[in-house]
């Protein structure tokens, strides 16, 4: 994460500088969320392999009752919603910089 300990308050900064700082922070948050989503996807795949004993997930002979995947799926959906919201905020911020 970025360290803004020595950064002056946003009100004291030029509008362009503060907008760039906010945009950089939003991009960093989006990157972190995407990293977490990849970790969740990997954990879901690993849990699936462990549950099926390595058999392909589409095998007709295997029925898996999995209590972990719904929690991962819920967490992934929440992160996806956060990512979408941050993306929208970033878009709005970039649009606010264009003269209208």
PDB file of N, CA and C in Angstrom:
ATOM      1  N   UNK A   1       0.828  -1.173   0.000  1.00  0.00           N
ATOM      2  CA  UNK A   1       0.000   0.000   0.000  1.00  0.00           C
ATOM      3  C   UNK A   1       0.877   1.243   0.000  1.00  0.00           C
ATOM      4  N   UNK A   2       0.275   2.311  -0.405  1.00  0.00           N
ATOM      5  CA  UNK A   2       0.981   3.574  -0.441  1.00  0.00           C
ATOM      6  C   UNK A   2       1.042   4.170   0.957  1.00  0.00           C
ATOM      7  N   UNK A   3       2.125   4.882   1.242  1.00  0.00           N
ATOM      8  CA  UNK A   3       2.278   5.524   2.536  1.00  0.00           C
ATOM      9  C   UNK A   3       2.167   7.028   2.339  1.00  0.00           C
ATOM     10  N   UNK A   4       1.115   7.618   2.872  1.00  0.00           N
ATOM     11  CA  UNK A   4       0.867   9.040   2.695  1.00  0.00           C
ATOM     12  C   UNK A   4       1.155   9.827   3.973  1.00  0.00           C
ATOM     13  N   UNK A   5       1.980   9.292   4.859  1.00  0.00           N
ATOM     14  CA  UNK A   5       2.236   9.935   6.147  1.00  0.00           C
ATOM     15  C   UNK A   5       2.777  11.350   5.979  1.00  0.00           C
ATOM     16  N   UNK A   6       3.631  11.575   4.988  1.00  0.00           N
ATOM     17  CA  UNK A   6       4.218  12.891   4.792  1.00  0.00           C
ATOM     18  C   UNK A   6       3.469  13.748   3.798  1.00  0.00           C
ATOM     19  N   UNK A   7       2.315  13.285   3.348  1.00  0.00           N
ATOM     20  CA  UNK A   7       1.549  14.004   2.337  1.00  0.00           C
ATOM     21  C   UNK A   7       0.711  15.091   2.992  1.00  0.00           C
ATOM     22  N   UNK A   8       0.752  16.302   2.433  1.00  0.00           N
ATOM     23  CA  UNK A   8      -0.084  17.363   3.004  1.00  0.00           C
ATOM     24  C   UNK A   8      -1.561  17.053   2.802  1.00  0.00           C
ATOM     25  N   UNK A   9      -2.440  17.654   3.601  1.00  0.00           N
ATOM     26  CA  UNK A   9      -3.882  17.418   3.436  1.00  0.00           C
ATOM     27  C   UNK A   9      -4.329  17.760   2.022  1.00  0.00           C
ATOM     28  N   UNK A  10      -5.344  17.038   1.548  1.00  0.00           N
ATOM     29  CA  UNK A  10      -5.820  17.236   0.181  1.00  0.00           C
ATOM     30  C   UNK A  10      -6.297  18.657  -0.073  1.00  0.00           C
ATOM     31  N   UNK A  11      -6.859  19.309   0.933  1.00  0.00           N
ATOM     32  CA  UNK A  11      -7.367  20.664   0.727  1.00  0.00           C
ATOM     33  C   UNK A  11      -6.243  21.641   0.418  1.00  0.00           C
ATOM     34  N   UNK A  12      -5.025  21.313   0.821  1.00  0.00           N
ATOM     35  CA  UNK A  12      -3.897  22.197   0.574  1.00  0.00           C
ATOM     36  C   UNK A  12      -3.224  21.916  -0.767  1.00  0.00           C
ATOM     37  N   UNK A  13      -3.692  20.888  -1.473  1.00  0.00           N
ATOM     38  CA  UNK A  13      -3.068  20.490  -2.728  1.00  0.00           C
ATOM     39  C   UNK A  13      -3.847  21.070  -3.902  1.00  0.00           C
ATOM     40  N   UNK A  14      -3.151  21.205  -5.006  1.00  0.00           N
ATOM     41  CA  UNK A  14      -3.829  21.617  -6.232  1.00  0.00           C
ATOM     42  C   UNK A  14      -4.847  20.553  -6.599  1.00  0.00           C
ATOM     43  N   UNK A  15      -5.929  20.962  -7.265  1.00  0.00           N
ATOM     44  CA  UNK A  15      -7.005  20.022  -7.601  1.00  0.00           C
ATOM     45  C   UNK A  15      -6.487  18.845  -8.418  1.00  0.00           C
ATOM     46  N   UNK A  16      -5.633  19.127  -9.402  1.00  0.00           N
ATOM     47  CA  UNK A  16      -5.102  18.056 -10.244  1.00  0.00           C
ATOM     48  C   UNK A  16      -4.278  17.083  -9.424  1.00  0.00           C
ATOM     49  N   UNK A  17      -3.436  17.600  -8.523  1.00  0.00           N
ATOM     50  CA  UNK A  17      -2.615  16.730  -7.691  1.00  0.00           C
ATOM     51  C   UNK A  17      -3.468  15.854  -6.784  1.00  0.00           C
ATOM     52  N   UNK A  18      -4.485  16.427  -6.162  1.00  0.00           N
ATOM     53  CA  UNK A  18      -5.329  15.637  -5.263  1.00  0.00           C
ATOM     54  C   UNK A  18      -6.101  14.583  -6.048  1.00  0.00           C
ATOM     55  N   UNK A  19      -6.563  14.927  -7.237  1.00  0.00           N
ATOM     56  CA  UNK A  19      -7.284  13.966  -8.073  1.00  0.00           C
ATOM     57  C   UNK A  19      -6.359  12.813  -8.471  1.00  0.00           C
ATOM     58  N   UNK A  20      -5.117  13.141  -8.810  1.00  0.00           N
ATOM     59  CA  UNK A  20      -4.156  12.097  -9.173  1.00  0.00           C
ATOM     60  C   UNK A  20      -3.841  11.204  -7.979  1.00  0.00           C
ATOM     61  N   UNK A  21      -3.734  11.790  -6.809  1.00  0.00           N
ATOM     62  CA  UNK A  21      -3.464  11.023  -5.595  1.00  0.00           C
ATOM     63  C   UNK A  21      -4.621  10.077  -5.286  1.00  0.00           C
ATOM     64  N   UNK A  22      -5.831  10.574  -5.395  1.00  0.00           N
ATOM     65  CA  UNK A  22      -7.016   9.745  -5.153  1.00  0.00           C
ATOM     66  C   UNK A  22      -7.102   8.631  -6.191  1.00  0.00           C
ATOM     67  N   UNK A  23      -6.850   8.957  -7.459  1.00  0.00           N
ATOM     68  CA  UNK A  23      -6.899   7.951  -8.523  1.00  0.00           C
ATOM     69  C   UNK A  23      -5.858   6.862  -8.287  1.00  0.00           C
ATOM     70  N   UNK A  24      -4.664   7.243  -7.865  1.00  0.00           N
ATOM     71  CA  UNK A  24      -3.623   6.254  -7.580  1.00  0.00           C
ATOM     72  C   UNK A  24      -4.045   5.344  -6.433  1.00  0.00           C
ATOM     73  N   UNK A  25      -4.663   5.916  -5.425  1.00  0.00           N
ATOM     74  CA  UNK A  25      -5.136   5.124  -4.289  1.00  0.00           C
ATOM     75  C   UNK A  25      -6.240   4.159  -4.720  1.00  0.00           C
ATOM     76  N   UNK A  26      -7.169   4.628  -5.551  1.00  0.00           N
ATOM     77  CA  UNK A  26      -8.238   3.757  -6.055  1.00  0.00           C
ATOM     78  C   UNK A  26      -7.662   2.614  -6.881  1.00  0.00           C
ATOM     79  N   UNK A  27      -6.678   2.922  -7.741  1.00  0.00           N
ATOM     80  CA  UNK A  27      -6.051   1.860  -8.547  1.00  0.00           C
ATOM     81  C   UNK A  27      -5.354   0.837  -7.657  1.00  0.00           C
ATOM     82  N   UNK A  28      -4.704   1.305  -6.581  1.00  0.00           N
ATOM     83  CA  UNK A  28      -4.048   0.381  -5.651  1.00  0.00           C
ATOM     84  C   UNK A  28      -5.074  -0.519  -4.962  1.00  0.00           C
ATOM     85  N   UNK A  29      -6.205   0.042  -4.581  1.00  0.00           N
ATOM     86  CA  UNK A  29      -7.265  -0.763  -3.963  1.00  0.00           C
ATOM     87  C   UNK A  29      -7.814  -1.794  -4.942  1.00  0.00           C
ATOM     88  N   UNK A  30      -8.021  -1.389  -6.195  1.00  0.00           N
ATOM     89  CA  UNK A  30      -8.518  -2.313  -7.218  1.00  0.00           C
ATOM     90  C   UNK A  30      -7.532  -3.452  -7.415  1.00  0.00           C
ATOM     91  N   UNK A  31      -6.244  -3.131  -7.469  1.00  0.00           N
ATOM     92  CA  UNK A  31      -5.215  -4.162  -7.628  1.00  0.00           C
ATOM     93  C   UNK A  31      -5.242  -5.135  -6.457  1.00  0.00           C
ATOM     94  N   UNK A  32      -5.397  -4.627  -5.252  1.00  0.00           N
ATOM     95  CA  UNK A  32      -5.431  -5.489  -4.059  1.00  0.00           C
ATOM     96  C   UNK A  32      -6.660  -6.390  -4.072  1.00  0.00           C
ATOM     97  N   UNK A  33      -7.796  -5.840  -4.466  1.00  0.00           N
ATOM     98  CA  UNK A  33      -9.025  -6.636  -4.555  1.00  0.00           C
ATOM     99  C   UNK A  33      -8.867  -7.737  -5.591  1.00  0.00           C
ATOM    100  N   UNK A  34      -8.292  -7.407  -6.752  1.00  0.00           N
ATOM    101  CA  UNK A  34      -8.093  -8.416  -7.797  1.00  0.00           C
ATOM    102  C   UNK A  34      -7.163  -9.518  -7.314  1.00  0.00           C
ATOM    103  N   UNK A  35      -6.150  -9.163  -6.540  1.00  0.00           N
ATOM    104  CA  UNK A  35      -5.246 -10.158  -5.967  1.00  0.00           C
ATOM    105  C   UNK A  35      -5.999 -11.085  -5.013  1.00  0.00           C
ATOM    106  N   UNK A  36      -6.846 -10.517  -4.181  1.00  0.00           N
ATOM    107  CA  UNK A  36      -7.648 -11.326  -3.256  1.00  0.00           C
ATOM    108  C   UNK A  36      -8.601 -12.244  -4.015  1.00  0.00           C
ATOM    109  N   UNK A  37      -9.172 -11.751  -5.112  1.00  0.00           N
ATOM    110  CA  UNK A  37     -10.080 -12.576  -5.911  1.00  0.00           C
ATOM    111  C   UNK A  37      -9.334 -13.757  -6.528  1.00  0.00           C
ATOM    112  N   UNK A  38      -8.097 -13.525  -6.974  1.00  0.00           N
ATOM    113  CA  UNK A  38      -7.297 -14.632  -7.519  1.00  0.00           C
ATOM    114  C   UNK A  38      -6.994 -15.663  -6.434  1.00  0.00           C
ATOM    115  N   UNK A  39      -6.704 -15.202  -5.220  1.00  0.00           N
ATOM    116  CA  UNK A  39      -6.457 -16.126  -4.108  1.00  0.00           C
ATOM    117  C   UNK A  39      -7.696 -16.963  -3.799  1.00  0.00           C
ATOM    118  N   UNK A  40      -8.855 -16.335  -3.819  1.00  0.00           N
ATOM    119  CA  UNK A  40     -10.106 -17.061  -3.571  1.00  0.00           C
ATOM    120  C   UNK A  40     -10.346 -18.085  -4.671  1.00  0.00           C
ATOM    121  N   UNK A  41     -10.142 -17.691  -5.931  1.00  0.00           N
ATOM    122  CA  UNK A  41     -10.318 -18.631  -7.043  1.00  0.00           C
ATOM    123  C   UNK A  41      -9.393 -19.831  -6.897  1.00  0.00           C
ATOM    124  N   UNK A  42      -8.141 -19.579  -6.524  1.00  0.00           N
ATOM    125  CA  UNK A  42      -7.186 -20.675  -6.343  1.00  0.00           C
ATOM    126  C   UNK A  42      -7.615 -21.580  -5.195  1.00  0.00           C
ATOM    127  N   UNK A  43      -8.096 -20.995  -4.109  1.00  0.00           N
ATOM    128  CA  UNK A  43      -8.553 -21.794  -2.966  1.00  0.00           C
ATOM    129  C   UNK A  43      -9.767 -22.631  -3.340  1.00  0.00           C
ATOM    130  N   UNK A  44     -10.670 -22.065  -4.146  1.00  0.00           N
ATOM    131  CA  UNK A  44     -11.845 -22.823  -4.590  1.00  0.00           C
ATOM    132  C   UNK A  44     -11.426 -23.999  -5.465  1.00  0.00           C
ATOM    133  N   UNK A  45     -10.468 -23.760  -6.343  1.00  0.00           N
ATOM    134  CA  UNK A  45      -9.999 -24.847  -7.207  1.00  0.00           C
ATOM    135  C   UNK A  45      -9.312 -25.926  -6.377  1.00  0.00           C
ATOM    136  N   UNK A  46      -8.494 -25.506  -5.410  1.00  0.00           N
ATOM    137  CA  UNK A  46      -7.804 -26.458  -4.548  1.00  0.00           C
ATOM    138  C   UNK A  46      -8.799 -27.276  -3.736  1.00  0.00           C
ATOM    139  N   UNK A  47      -9.818 -26.621  -3.205  1.00  0.00           N
ATOM    140  CA  UNK A  47     -10.839 -27.330  -2.433  1.00  0.00           C
ATOM    141  C   UNK A  47     -11.575 -28.323  -3.318  1.00  0.00           C
ATOM    142  N   UNK A  48     -11.821 -27.951  -4.562  1.00  0.00           N
ATOM    143  CA  UNK A  48     -12.493 -28.850  -5.497  1.00  0.00           C
ATOM    144  C   UNK A  48     -11.658 -30.072  -5.807  1.00  0.00           C
ATOM    145  N   UNK A  49     -10.354 -29.882  -5.985  1.00  0.00           N
ATOM    146  CA  UNK A  49      -9.460 -31.003  -6.272  1.00  0.00           C
ATOM    147  C   UNK A  49      -9.375 -31.927  -5.066  1.00  0.00           C
ATOM    148  N   UNK A  50      -9.291 -31.355  -3.874  1.00  0.00           N
ATOM    149  CA  UNK A  50      -9.221 -32.182  -2.665  1.00  0.00           C
ATOM    150  C   UNK A  50     -10.504 -32.980  -2.462  1.00  0.00           C
ATOM    151  N   UNK A  51     -11.645 -32.354  -2.729  1.00  0.00           N
ATOM    152  CA  UNK A  51     -12.933 -33.026  -2.541  1.00  0.00           C
ATOM    153  C   UNK A  51     -13.142 -34.148  -3.550  1.00  0.00           C
ATOM    154  N   UNK A  52     -12.667 -33.951  -4.784  1.00  0.00           N
ATOM    155  CA  UNK A  52     -12.904 -34.948  -5.828  1.00  0.00           C
ATOM    156  C   UNK A  52     -11.775 -35.953  -5.928  1.00  0.00           C
ATOM    157  N   UNK A  53     -10.722 -35.777  -5.150  1.00  0.00           N
ATOM    158  CA  UNK A  53      -9.604 -36.696  -5.224  1.00  0.00           C
ATOM    159  C   UNK A  53      -8.826 -36.552  -6.520  1.00  0.00           C
ATOM    160  N   UNK A  54      -8.912 -35.402  -7.160  1.00  0.00           N
ATOM    161  CA  UNK A  54      -8.176 -35.162  -8.389  1.00  0.00           C
ATOM    162  C   UNK A  54      -8.944 -35.499  -9.641  1.00  0.00           C
ATOM    163  N   UNK A  55     -10.153 -36.069  -9.507  1.00  0.00           N
ATOM    164  CA  UNK A  55     -10.967 -36.364 -10.686  1.00  0.00           C
ATOM    165  C   UNK A  55     -11.469 -35.068 -11.297  1.00  0.00           C
ATOM    166  N   UNK A  56     -11.701 -35.058 -12.598  1.00  0.00           N
ATOM    167  CA  UNK A  56     -12.217 -33.844 -13.228  1.00  0.00           C
ATOM    168  C   UNK A  56     -13.549 -33.421 -12.610  1.00  0.00           C
ATOM    169  N   UNK A  57     -13.741 -32.134 -12.486  1.00  0.00           N
ATOM    170  CA  UNK A  57     -14.949 -31.609 -11.847  1.00  0.00           C
ATOM    171  C   UNK A  57     -16.207 -32.020 -12.587  1.00  0.00           C
ATOM    172  N   UNK A  58     -16.110 -32.276 -13.876  1.00  0.00           N
ATOM    173  CA  UNK A  58     -17.277 -32.630 -14.663  1.00  0.00           C
ATOM    174  C   UNK A  58     -17.563 -34.119 -14.700  1.00  0.00           C
ATOM    175  N   UNK A  59     -16.866 -34.918 -13.915  1.00  0.00           N
ATOM    176  CA  UNK A  59     -17.062 -36.360 -13.925  1.00  0.00           C
ATOM    177  C   UNK A  59     -18.486 -36.705 -13.503  1.00  0.00           C
ATOM    178  N   UNK A  60     -19.133 -37.553 -14.279  1.00  0.00           N
ATOM    179  CA  UNK A  60     -20.528 -37.916 -14.027  1.00  0.00           C
ATOM    180  C   UNK A  60     -20.674 -38.833 -12.814  1.00  0.00           C
ATOM    181  N   UNK A  61     -19.586 -39.459 -12.376  1.00  0.00           N
ATOM    182  CA  UNK A  61     -19.650 -40.409 -11.275  1.00  0.00           C
ATOM    183  C   UNK A  61     -19.443 -39.765  -9.906  1.00  0.00           C
ATOM    184  N   UNK A  62     -19.184 -38.480  -9.873  1.00  0.00           N
ATOM    185  CA  UNK A  62     -18.826 -37.833  -8.615  1.00  0.00           C
ATOM    186  C   UNK A  62     -19.866 -36.789  -8.239  1.00  0.00           C
ATOM    187  N   UNK A  63     -20.308 -36.863  -6.994  1.00  0.00           N
ATOM    188  CA  UNK A  63     -21.201 -35.853  -6.440  1.00  0.00           C
ATOM    189  C   UNK A  63     -20.528 -35.304  -5.190  1.00  0.00           C
ATOM    190  N   UNK A  64     -20.269 -34.028  -5.175  1.00  0.00           N
ATOM    191  CA  UNK A  64     -19.558 -33.418  -4.061  1.00  0.00           C
ATOM    192  C   UNK A  64     -20.491 -32.467  -3.324  1.00  0.00           C
ATOM    193  N   UNK A  65     -20.623 -32.702  -2.030  1.00  0.00           N
ATOM    194  CA  UNK A  65     -21.357 -31.774  -1.184  1.00  0.00           C
ATOM    195  C   UNK A  65     -20.309 -30.928  -0.474  1.00  0.00           C
ATOM    196  N   UNK A  66     -20.186 -29.717  -0.899  1.00  0.00           N
ATOM    197  CA  UNK A  66     -19.103 -28.844  -0.468  1.00  0.00           C
ATOM    198  C   UNK A  66     -19.672 -27.699   0.359  1.00  0.00           C
ATOM    199  N   UNK A  67     -19.201 -27.555   1.577  1.00  0.00           N
ATOM    200  CA  UNK A  67     -19.689 -26.452   2.406  1.00  0.00           C
ATOM    201  C   UNK A  67     -18.760 -25.242   2.376  1.00  0.00           C
ATOM    202  N   UNK A  68     -17.606 -25.353   1.714  1.00  0.00           N
ATOM    203  CA  UNK A  68     -16.643 -24.261   1.661  1.00  0.00           C
ATOM    204  C   UNK A  68     -16.881 -23.355   0.458  1.00  0.00           C
ATOM    205  N   UNK A  69     -17.189 -23.935  -0.683  1.00  0.00           N
ATOM    206  CA  UNK A  69     -17.337 -23.159  -1.915  1.00  0.00           C
ATOM    207  C   UNK A  69     -18.362 -22.036  -1.801  1.00  0.00           C
ATOM    208  N   UNK A  70     -19.532 -22.248  -1.194  1.00  0.00           N
ATOM    209  CA  UNK A  70     -20.472 -21.123  -1.095  1.00  0.00           C
ATOM    210  C   UNK A  70     -19.893 -19.913  -0.361  1.00  0.00           C
ATOM    211  N   UNK A  71     -19.087 -20.165   0.655  1.00  0.00           N
ATOM    212  CA  UNK A  71     -18.471 -19.039   1.379  1.00  0.00           C
ATOM    213  C   UNK A  71     -17.466 -18.320   0.499  1.00  0.00           C
ATOM    214  N   UNK A  72     -16.667 -19.095  -0.244  1.00  0.00           N
ATOM    215  CA  UNK A  72     -15.718 -18.483  -1.177  1.00  0.00           C
ATOM    216  C   UNK A  72     -16.461 -17.702  -2.258  1.00  0.00           C
ATOM    217  N   UNK A  73     -17.526 -18.282  -2.772  1.00  0.00           N
ATOM    218  CA  UNK A  73     -18.297 -17.620  -3.829  1.00  0.00           C
ATOM    219  C   UNK A  73     -18.915 -16.321  -3.315  1.00  0.00           C
ATOM    220  N   UNK A  74     -19.413 -16.337  -2.085  1.00  0.00           N
ATOM    221  CA  UNK A  74     -19.989 -15.130  -1.495  1.00  0.00           C
ATOM    222  C   UNK A  74     -18.918 -14.056  -1.314  1.00  0.00           C
ATOM    223  N   UNK A  75     -17.762 -14.454  -0.818  1.00  0.00           N
ATOM    224  CA  UNK A  75     -16.659 -13.502  -0.639  1.00  0.00           C
ATOM    225  C   UNK A  75     -16.206 -12.943  -1.984  1.00  0.00           C
ATOM    226  N   UNK A  76     -16.125 -13.809  -2.981  1.00  0.00           N
ATOM    227  CA  UNK A  76     -15.716 -13.372  -4.314  1.00  0.00           C
ATOM    228  C   UNK A  76     -16.721 -12.392  -4.903  1.00  0.00           C
ATOM    229  N   UNK A  77     -18.002 -12.667  -4.720  1.00  0.00           N
ATOM    230  CA  UNK A  77     -19.041 -11.763  -5.229  1.00  0.00           C
ATOM    231  C   UNK A  77     -18.969 -10.403  -4.534  1.00  0.00           C
ATOM    232  N   UNK A  78     -18.713 -10.410  -3.232  1.00  0.00           N
ATOM    233  CA  UNK A  78     -18.592  -9.143  -2.498  1.00  0.00           C
ATOM    234  C   UNK A  78     -17.392  -8.344  -2.985  1.00  0.00           C
ATOM    235  N   UNK A  79     -16.270  -9.031  -3.200  1.00  0.00           N
ATOM    236  CA  UNK A  79     -15.083  -8.345  -3.715  1.00  0.00           C
ATOM    237  C   UNK A  79     -15.321  -7.822  -5.127  1.00  0.00           C
ATOM    238  N   UNK A  80     -16.041  -8.595  -5.927  1.00  0.00           N
ATOM    239  CA  UNK A  80     -16.346  -8.156  -7.290  1.00  0.00           C
ATOM    240  C   UNK A  80     -17.200  -6.887  -7.261  1.00  0.00           C
ATOM    241  N   UNK A  81     -18.156  -6.832  -6.342  1.00  0.00           N
ATOM    242  CA  UNK A  81     -18.983  -5.629  -6.206  1.00  0.00           C
ATOM    243  C   UNK A  81     -18.134  -4.435  -5.755  1.00  0.00           C
ATOM    244  N   UNK A  82     -17.216  -4.673  -4.833  1.00  0.00           N
ATOM    245  CA  UNK A  82     -16.312  -3.603  -4.392  1.00  0.00           C
ATOM    246  C   UNK A  82     -15.456  -3.113  -5.546  1.00  0.00           C
ATOM    247  N   UNK A  83     -14.945  -4.053  -6.329  1.00  0.00           N
ATOM    248  CA  UNK A  83     -14.106  -3.705  -7.469  1.00  0.00           C
ATOM    249  C   UNK A  83     -14.894  -2.872  -8.471  1.00  0.00           C
ATOM    250  N   UNK A  84     -16.137  -3.262  -8.716  1.00  0.00           N
ATOM    251  CA  UNK A  84     -16.982  -2.507  -9.647  1.00  0.00           C
ATOM    252  C   UNK A  84     -17.231  -1.096  -9.121  1.00  0.00           C
ATOM    253  N   UNK A  85     -17.497  -0.973  -7.835  1.00  0.00           N
ATOM    254  CA  UNK A  85     -17.722   0.341  -7.236  1.00  0.00           C
ATOM    255  C   UNK A  85     -16.490   1.227  -7.306  1.00  0.00           C
ATOM    256  N   UNK A  86     -15.329   0.641  -7.032  1.00  0.00           N
ATOM    257  CA  UNK A  86     -14.088   1.413  -7.116  1.00  0.00           C
ATOM    258  C   UNK A  86     -13.787   1.812  -8.555  1.00  0.00           C
ATOM    259  N   UNK A  87     -14.076   0.906  -9.491  1.00  0.00           N
ATOM    260  CA  UNK A  87     -13.895   1.233 -10.907  1.00  0.00           C
ATOM    261  C   UNK A  87     -14.792   2.384 -11.322  1.00  0.00           C
ATOM    262  N   UNK A  88     -16.020   2.364 -10.824  1.00  0.00           N
ATOM    263  CA  UNK A  88     -16.959   3.447 -11.128  1.00  0.00           C
ATOM    264  C   UNK A  88     -16.467   4.767 -10.520  1.00  0.00           C
ATOM    265  N   UNK A  89     -15.978   4.700  -9.292  1.00  0.00           N
ATOM    266  CA  UNK A  89     -15.447   5.901  -8.641  1.00  0.00           C
ATOM    267  C   UNK A  89     -14.261   6.456  -9.422  1.00  0.00           C
ATOM    268  N   UNK A  90     -13.394   5.569  -9.891  1.00  0.00           N
ATOM    269  CA  UNK A  90     -12.240   5.996 -10.680  1.00  0.00           C
ATOM    270  C   UNK A  90     -12.688   6.649 -11.981  1.00  0.00           C
ATOM    271  N   UNK A  91     -13.688   6.063 -12.616  1.00  0.00           N
ATOM    272  CA  UNK A  91     -14.218   6.629 -13.858  1.00  0.00           C
ATOM    273  C   UNK A  91     -14.823   8.011 -13.604  1.00  0.00           C
ATOM    274  N   UNK A  92     -15.610   8.137 -12.555  1.00  0.00           N
ATOM    275  CA  UNK A  92     -16.216   9.438 -12.216  1.00  0.00           C
ATOM    276  C   UNK A  92     -15.143  10.478 -11.921  1.00  0.00           C
ATOM    277  N   UNK A  93     -14.105  10.063 -11.227  1.00  0.00           N
ATOM    278  CA  UNK A  93     -13.017  10.974 -10.897  1.00  0.00           C
ATOM    279  C   UNK A  93     -12.307  11.451 -12.160  1.00  0.00           C
ATOM    280  N   UNK A  94     -12.072  10.532 -13.093  1.00  0.00           N
ATOM    281  CA  UNK A  94     -11.389  10.927 -14.328  1.00  0.00           C
ATOM    282  C   UNK A  94     -12.281  11.814 -15.182  1.00  0.00           C
ATOM    283  N   UNK A  95     -13.599  11.579 -15.137  1.00  0.00           N
ATOM    284  CA  UNK A  95     -14.529  12.425 -15.890  1.00  0.00           C
ATOM    285  C   UNK A  95     -14.618  13.818 -15.280  1.00  0.00           C
ATOM    286  N   UNK A  96     -14.417  13.915 -13.973  1.00  0.00           N
ATOM    287  CA  UNK A  96     -14.508  15.227 -13.323  1.00  0.00           C
ATOM    288  C   UNK A  96     -13.337  16.121 -13.699  1.00  0.00           C
ATOM    289  N   UNK A  97     -12.275  15.512 -14.222  1.00  0.00           N
ATOM    290  CA  UNK A  97     -11.108  16.296 -14.614  1.00  0.00           C
ATOM    291  C   UNK A  97     -11.221  16.892 -15.996  1.00  0.00           C
ATOM    292  N   UNK A  98     -12.226  16.467 -16.764  1.00  0.00           N
ATOM    293  CA  UNK A  98     -12.393  17.003 -18.112  1.00  0.00           C
ATOM    294  C   UNK A  98     -13.356  18.174 -18.068  1.00  0.00           C
ATOM    295  N   UNK A  99     -13.022  19.251 -18.759  1.00  0.00           N
ATOM    296  CA  UNK A  99     -13.940  20.389 -18.762  1.00  0.00           C
ATOM    297  C   UNK A  99     -15.260  20.012 -19.401  1.00  0.00           C
ATOM    298  N   UNK A 100     -16.351  20.423 -18.807  1.00  0.00           N
ATOM    299  CA  UNK A 100     -17.643  20.012 -19.300  1.00  0.00           C
ATOM    300  C   UNK A 100     -18.452  21.139 -19.702  1.00  0.00           C
TER     301      UNK A 100
END
